[in-house]
N, C-alpha and C. Protein backbone atom coordinates (compact mmCIF):
# COMPACT_ATOMS: atom_id res chain seq x y z
N MET A 1 1.16 -1.30 0.30
CA MET A 1 0.11 -0.77 -0.02
C MET A 1 0.87 1.26 -0.25
N ASN A 2 2.33 1.43 0.77
CA ASN A 2 2.69 1.95 0.70
C ASN A 2 3.17 2.54 -0.58
N GLU A 3 3.31 2.27 -1.97
CA GLU A 3 4.11 2.48 -3.04
C GLU A 3 2.70 2.62 -3.58
N SER A 4 2.03 2.66 -3.66
CA SER A 4 0.42 3.61 -4.44
C SER A 4 0.68 5.00 -3.92
N TYR A 5 0.53 5.21 -2.22
CA TYR A 5 0.98 6.81 -2.44
C TYR A 5 0.58 7.51 -2.68
N GLY A 6 2.47 6.98 -3.35
CA GLY A 6 2.78 8.71 -4.91
C GLY A 6 1.77 8.70 -6.35
N TRP A 7 1.51 7.13 -6.32
CA TRP A 7 0.23 7.33 -8.12
C TRP A 7 -0.87 8.15 -7.13
N ILE A 8 -1.12 8.56 -5.93
CA ILE A 8 -2.67 8.51 -5.27
C ILE A 8 -2.53 10.13 -5.49
N GLU A 9 -1.14 10.64 -4.71
CA GLU A 9 -0.34 11.78 -4.80
C GLU A 9 -0.93 12.92 -5.81
N PHE A 10 -0.80 12.03 -6.96
CA PHE A 10 -0.41 12.35 -8.88
C PHE A 10 -2.16 12.71 -8.80
N VAL A 11 -2.16 11.34 -8.48
CA VAL A 11 -3.11 11.63 -9.75
C VAL A 11 -4.49 12.74 -8.55
N ILE A 12 -4.58 13.06 -6.99
CA ILE A 12 -5.01 13.37 -6.57
C ILE A 12 -4.39 15.47 -6.79
N PHE A 13 -3.03 15.84 -6.35
CA PHE A 13 -2.66 17.11 -6.59
C PHE A 13 -1.93 17.54 -7.80
N GLY A 14 -1.99 16.23 -8.96
CA GLY A 14 -0.94 17.52 -10.41
C GLY A 14 -2.44 17.54 -11.12
N PRO A 15 -3.66 16.73 -11.12
CA PRO A 15 -4.11 18.09 -11.94
C PRO A 15 -4.83 19.24 -11.39
N LEU A 16 -4.25 19.15 -10.37
CA LEU A 16 -4.59 20.53 -9.44
C LEU A 16 -3.88 22.07 -9.42
N ILE A 17 -2.75 21.33 -9.18
CA ILE A 17 -1.82 21.88 -9.66
C ILE A 17 -1.16 22.36 -11.78
N LEU A 18 -1.34 21.17 -11.84
CA LEU A 18 -1.91 22.12 -13.45
C LEU A 18 -2.99 22.87 -13.57
N GLY A 19 -4.16 22.49 -13.42
CA GLY A 19 -5.39 23.48 -13.39
C GLY A 19 -4.39 24.73 -13.21
N VAL A 20 -4.04 25.23 -11.97
CA VAL A 20 -3.91 26.63 -11.47
C VAL A 20 -2.94 27.60 -12.29
N LEU A 21 -1.36 26.21 -12.86
CA LEU A 21 -0.38 26.72 -13.49
C LEU A 21 -1.62 26.94 -14.77
N PHE A 22 -2.09 26.42 -15.50
CA PHE A 22 -2.89 26.72 -16.94
C PHE A 22 -3.75 28.75 -16.68
N TRP A 23 -4.53 28.34 -15.50
CA TRP A 23 -4.61 29.38 -14.95
C TRP A 23 -4.39 30.36 -14.86
N GLN A 24 -2.51 30.40 -14.23
CA GLN A 24 -2.39 31.54 -14.26
C GLN A 24 -1.54 32.20 -15.65
N LEU A 25 -1.56 30.90 -16.48
CA LEU A 25 -0.61 31.79 -18.15
C LEU A 25 -2.17 32.44 -18.49
N TRP A 26 -2.94 31.36 -18.24
CA TRP A 26 -3.96 32.79 -19.07
C TRP A 26 -3.67 33.68 -18.87
N SER A 27 -5.00 34.06 -17.29
CA SER A 27 -4.65 35.00 -16.65
C SER A 27 -3.52 36.02 -17.35
N VAL A 28 -2.48 35.13 -16.83
CA VAL A 28 -1.34 36.64 -17.40
C VAL A 28 -1.14 36.95 -18.35
N ASN A 29 -1.68 35.88 -19.20
CA ASN A 29 -1.48 36.30 -21.28
C ASN A 29 -2.66 37.53 -21.56
N ARG A 30 -4.08 37.37 -21.21
CA ARG A 30 -4.93 37.60 -21.47
C ARG A 30 -4.63 39.39 -20.74
N GLU A 31 -3.72 39.58 -19.54
CA GLU A 31 -3.25 41.24 -18.70
C GLU A 31 -2.27 41.49 -19.91
N ILE A 32 -1.15 40.19 -20.56
CA ILE A 32 0.35 41.33 -22.09
C ILE A 32 -1.96 42.16 -22.92
N LYS A 33 -2.00 41.31 -23.07
CA LYS A 33 -2.90 41.79 -24.20
C LYS A 33 -3.56 43.26 -24.01
N ALA A 34 -3.85 43.50 -22.54
CA ALA A 34 -4.64 44.02 -22.33
C ALA A 34 -3.87 45.78 -21.97
N ASP A 35 -3.10 45.39 -21.54
CA ASP A 35 -1.69 45.88 -21.59
C ASP A 35 -1.46 46.60 -23.43
N ARG A 36 -1.20 45.52 -23.83
CA ARG A 36 -0.73 46.06 -25.07
C ARG A 36 -1.94 46.99 -25.74
N ALA A 37 -3.35 46.79 -26.02
CA ALA A 37 -4.70 47.14 -26.22
C ALA A 37 -4.20 48.84 -25.72
N ARG A 38 -3.64 49.11 -24.40
CA ARG A 38 -4.38 50.40 -23.70
C ARG A 38 -3.05 50.57 -24.28
N ARG A 39 -1.77 50.36 -24.38
CA ARG A 39 -0.60 51.22 -24.59
C ARG A 39 -0.97 51.93 -26.78
N ALA A 40 -1.70 50.87 -27.21
CA ALA A 40 -2.35 50.96 -28.08
C ALA A 40 -2.76 52.34 -28.62
N ALA A 41 -3.58 52.21 -27.32
CA ALA A 41 -4.83 53.18 -27.59
C ALA A 41 -4.16 54.39 -27.03
N GLU A 42 -3.57 54.79 -25.77
CA GLU A 42 -2.26 55.82 -25.30
C GLU A 42 -1.72 56.30 -26.72
N GLU A 43 -1.33 55.53 -27.54
CA GLU A 43 -0.34 56.58 -28.57
C GLU A 43 -0.60 56.47 -29.13
N ALA A 44 -1.84 56.05 -29.91
CA ALA A 44 -3.35 56.75 -31.57
C ALA A 44 -3.50 58.17 -30.44
N ALA A 45 -3.49 58.00 -29.54
CA ALA A 45 -4.59 59.86 -29.16
C ALA A 45 -3.11 60.27 -28.96
N ALA A 46 -2.20 59.94 -27.98
CA ALA A 46 -1.17 60.71 -28.19
C ALA A 46 -0.06 61.36 -29.41
N ALA A 47 -0.37 60.52 -30.48
CA ALA A 47 0.41 60.94 -32.30
C ALA A 47 -0.75 62.33 -32.40
N PRO A 48 0.23 62.78 -32.93
CA PRO A 48 0.42 64.78 -33.83
C PRO A 48 -0.98 64.10 -35.17
N PRO A 49 -1.58 65.41 -35.27
CA PRO A 49 -2.14 64.94 -36.62
C PRO A 49 -0.85 64.93 -37.44
N PRO A 50 -1.78 65.05 -38.71
CA PRO A 50 -0.38 64.85 -39.94
C PRO A 50 -0.85 65.96 -40.25
N SER A 51 1.00 66.73 -40.47
CA SER A 51 0.43 68.58 -40.99
C SER A 51 -0.13 69.11 -42.13
N SER A 52 0.25 68.02 -43.09
CA SER A 52 0.11 68.49 -44.91
C SER A 52 -0.27 67.00 -44.61
N PRO A 53 -1.81 66.88 -45.98
CA PRO A 53 -1.98 65.79 -46.40
C PRO A 53 -0.52 65.25 -47.42
N PRO A 54 -0.41 63.79 -47.89
CA PRO A 54 0.05 63.41 -48.77
C PRO A 54 0.70 63.81 -50.02
N LEU A 55 1.24 63.66 -50.56
CA LEU A 55 1.66 63.75 -51.95
C LEU A 55 0.75 63.09 -52.54
N SER A 56 0.88 63.30 -54.02
CA SER A 56 0.49 62.14 -55.24
C SER A 56 1.64 62.00 -56.04
N ALA A 57 1.39 61.04 -56.44
CA ALA A 57 2.45 60.40 -57.23
C ALA A 57 2.93 61.58 -58.29
N GLY A 58 2.54 63.00 -58.90
CA GLY A 58 2.86 63.40 -60.10
C GLY A 58 2.99 64.54 -59.72
N SER A 59 3.12 64.76 -58.07
CA SER A 59 3.47 66.12 -58.04
C SER A 59 5.02 66.15 -57.41
N ALA A 60 5.34 67.04 -57.49
CA ALA A 60 7.08 67.55 -57.60
C ALA A 60 7.09 67.48 -56.22
N GLY A 61 6.35 67.30 -55.04
CA GLY A 61 6.79 67.29 -53.85
C GLY A 61 8.16 68.32 -53.16
N PRO A 62 8.19 68.31 -51.42
CA PRO A 62 9.11 68.84 -51.17
C PRO A 62 9.78 69.70 -51.84
N ALA A 63 11.09 70.93 -51.50
CA ALA A 63 12.82 71.78 -52.32
C ALA A 63 13.44 69.98 -51.14
N GLY A 64 13.93 69.62 -50.61
CA GLY A 64 14.68 68.42 -50.59
C GLY A 64 16.09 68.90 -50.22
N HIS A 65 16.04 69.67 -49.45
CA HIS A 65 16.74 70.07 -48.14
C HIS A 65 16.57 71.08 -47.71
N ALA A 66 16.56 70.93 -46.28
CA ALA A 66 17.04 71.81 -44.92
C ALA A 66 16.38 73.23 -45.31
N GLU A 67 15.83 73.66 -44.31
CA GLU A 67 15.33 75.02 -43.85
C GLU A 67 16.63 75.96 -43.50
N GLY A 68 17.34 76.76 -44.14
CA GLY A 68 18.19 77.45 -43.45
C GLY A 68 19.78 76.83 -44.01
N GLN A 69 19.23 76.23 -45.40
CA GLN A 69 20.87 75.95 -46.03
C GLN A 69 21.55 76.75 -46.65
N HIS A 70 20.74 77.74 -47.40
CA HIS A 70 21.62 78.63 -48.19
C HIS A 70 21.55 79.96 -47.67
N PRO A 71 22.91 80.51 -47.44
CA PRO A 71 23.08 81.90 -47.18
C PRO A 71 21.84 82.94 -47.49
N LEU A 72 22.04 84.41 -46.43
CA LEU A 72 20.46 84.84 -46.37
C LEU A 72 21.18 85.49 -48.13
N ASP A 73 22.26 85.44 -48.92
CA ASP A 73 22.56 86.43 -49.67
C ASP A 73 21.64 86.31 -51.21
N GLY A 74 20.95 84.77 -51.11
CA GLY A 74 19.83 83.93 -52.33
C GLY A 74 20.96 83.16 -53.13
N GLY A 75 22.04 82.68 -52.83
CA GLY A 75 23.24 82.27 -52.94
C GLY A 75 24.51 82.84 -54.19
N ARG A 76 23.99 84.52 -54.14
CA ARG A 76 24.65 85.04 -54.90
C ARG A 76 26.42 84.90 -53.77
N HIS A 77 26.57 84.93 -52.83
CA HIS A 77 28.11 84.91 -52.33
C HIS A 77 28.56 85.99 -52.37
N GLU A 78 27.45 87.48 -52.25
CA GLU A 78 27.93 88.75 -52.40
C GLU A 78 28.71 88.72 -50.87
N PRO A 79 29.56 89.99 -50.85
CA PRO A 79 30.07 90.09 -49.23
C PRO A 79 29.05 91.03 -48.84
N GLY A 80 29.04 90.37 -47.03
CA GLY A 80 28.03 91.55 -46.54
C GLY A 80 27.99 92.78 -46.29
N GLN A 81 27.24 93.99 -46.22
CA GLN A 81 28.13 95.64 -45.86
C GLN A 81 27.55 95.50 -45.12
């Protein structure tokens, strides 16, 4: 009879332990999904709206250089007065 106590404990407590394990796994995964959804909603609310509409395929587009790249004399390289 002493040899069967291990099997009895396994049969009684094994499913209980596995049940708690899977319940914790399910609960943590659910919280992770909720946190991700909450973070995505906060980032979407905090994102600034676009300042200009996207350019169409046929448009020339922006100038292509940073503002202030050229000197104030309009690129003529004249000495200042």
